[in-house]
Protein backbone atom coordinates (compact mmCIF):
# COMPACT_ATOMS: atom_id res chain seq x y z
CA MET A 1 2.86 -7.08 -7.91
CA ILE A 2 2.91 -10.86 -8.14
CA GLU A 3 -0.09 -12.47 -6.46
CA LEU A 4 0.51 -15.99 -5.15
CA ASP A 5 -1.99 -18.14 -3.24
CA ARG A 6 -0.45 -19.65 -0.09
CA ASP A 7 -3.54 -21.82 0.43
CA ALA A 8 -3.51 -23.35 -3.07
CA MET A 9 -2.55 -26.96 -3.65
CA THR A 10 0.03 -25.78 -6.22
CA PRO A 11 3.41 -25.11 -4.56
CA MET A 12 4.52 -21.47 -4.38
CA TYR A 13 7.57 -22.06 -6.58
CA VAL A 14 5.35 -23.54 -9.32
CA GLN A 15 2.97 -20.58 -9.08
CA LEU A 16 5.91 -18.16 -9.40
CA ALA A 17 7.39 -20.10 -12.33
CA ASN A 18 3.96 -19.94 -14.02
CA VAL A 19 3.79 -16.15 -13.57
CA LEU A 20 7.29 -15.67 -15.00
CA ARG A 21 6.60 -18.10 -17.87
CA ASP A 22 3.45 -16.12 -18.75
CA ARG A 23 5.43 -12.85 -18.70
CA ILE A 24 7.94 -14.38 -21.10
CA ARG A 25 5.20 -15.83 -23.32
CA HIS A 26 3.40 -12.46 -23.57
CA GLY A 27 6.57 -10.49 -24.29
CA GLN A 28 6.71 -8.63 -20.98
CA ILE A 29 10.20 -10.12 -20.56
CA PRO A 30 11.56 -10.62 -24.10
CA VAL A 31 14.23 -13.07 -25.19
CA GLY A 32 17.66 -11.67 -24.37
CA ARG A 33 16.45 -9.65 -21.39
CA ARG A 34 17.33 -10.17 -17.76
CA LEU A 35 14.67 -11.42 -15.38
CA PRO A 36 14.14 -9.39 -12.23
CA SER A 37 16.73 -10.26 -9.57
CA GLN A 38 15.82 -12.49 -6.66
CA SER A 39 15.53 -9.45 -4.37
CA GLU A 40 13.33 -7.67 -6.95
CA LEU A 41 11.08 -10.73 -7.21
CA GLU A 42 10.95 -10.99 -3.42
CA ALA A 43 9.79 -7.36 -3.28
CA GLU A 44 7.30 -7.95 -6.10
CA THR A 45 5.67 -10.74 -4.11
CA GLY A 46 5.47 -8.49 -1.06
CA GLY A 47 7.91 -10.75 0.75
CA ALA A 48 5.45 -13.63 0.52
CA VAL A 49 8.12 -16.07 -0.67
CA SER A 50 11.66 -16.86 0.39
CA ARG A 51 14.68 -16.49 -1.86
CA ARG A 52 14.94 -20.29 -1.88
CA THR A 53 11.42 -20.48 -3.36
CA ILE A 54 12.41 -17.92 -5.99
CA LYS A 55 15.60 -19.84 -6.78
CA THR A 56 13.59 -23.04 -7.20
CA ALA A 57 11.15 -21.30 -9.57
CA LEU A 58 14.09 -20.05 -11.65
CA GLU A 59 15.55 -23.57 -11.70
CA VAL A 60 12.24 -24.88 -13.10
CA LEU A 61 12.44 -22.33 -15.94
CA ALA A 62 16.11 -23.19 -16.55
CA ASP A 63 15.26 -26.91 -16.70
CA GLU A 64 12.62 -26.06 -19.32
CA GLY A 65 15.31 -24.28 -21.36
CA LEU A 66 13.66 -20.86 -21.05
CA VAL A 67 16.28 -19.03 -18.97
CA GLN A 68 19.99 -19.21 -18.28
CA GLY A 69 22.02 -17.73 -15.45
CA VAL A 70 25.07 -15.63 -16.30
CA GLN A 71 27.59 -15.36 -13.46
CA GLY A 72 27.61 -11.83 -12.05
CA LYS A 73 24.90 -10.58 -14.42
CA GLY A 74 21.67 -12.36 -13.59
CA VAL A 75 19.22 -14.74 -15.24
CA PHE A 76 18.32 -14.11 -18.87
CA VAL A 77 15.51 -15.31 -21.12
CA ILE A 78 16.95 -17.51 -23.87
CA ALA A 79 13.78 -19.01 -25.42
CA LEU A 80 10.02 -18.63 -25.60
CA PRO A 81 7.84 -21.25 -23.88
CA ALA A 82 5.86 -23.68 -26.01
CA ASN A 83 2.20 -22.85 -26.35
CA PRO A 84 0.17 -24.08 -23.37
CA PRO A 85 -2.13 -27.08 -23.82
CA ALA A 86 -5.64 -26.20 -24.98
CA SER A 87 -7.00 -26.97 -21.49
CA GLU A 88 -5.17 -24.01 -19.88
């Protein structure tokens, strides 16, 4: 289950991107593997976020060069994230 804080100052899509980035960083979703589908992620959040929010979170990860969409197959991890700054 993905826990997101609706009352936090951080937007929901950023929170979701952070969760997915951490899963990639810690090997829970290895390079070359497909991320959960949008409907799977929606279920994992307990329906707390819309598919648009999920799509935006995936776009953030794609812009960072971590994932890539493959038409008809899903979104796949293509790189590991850089190490987080020491303050995290």
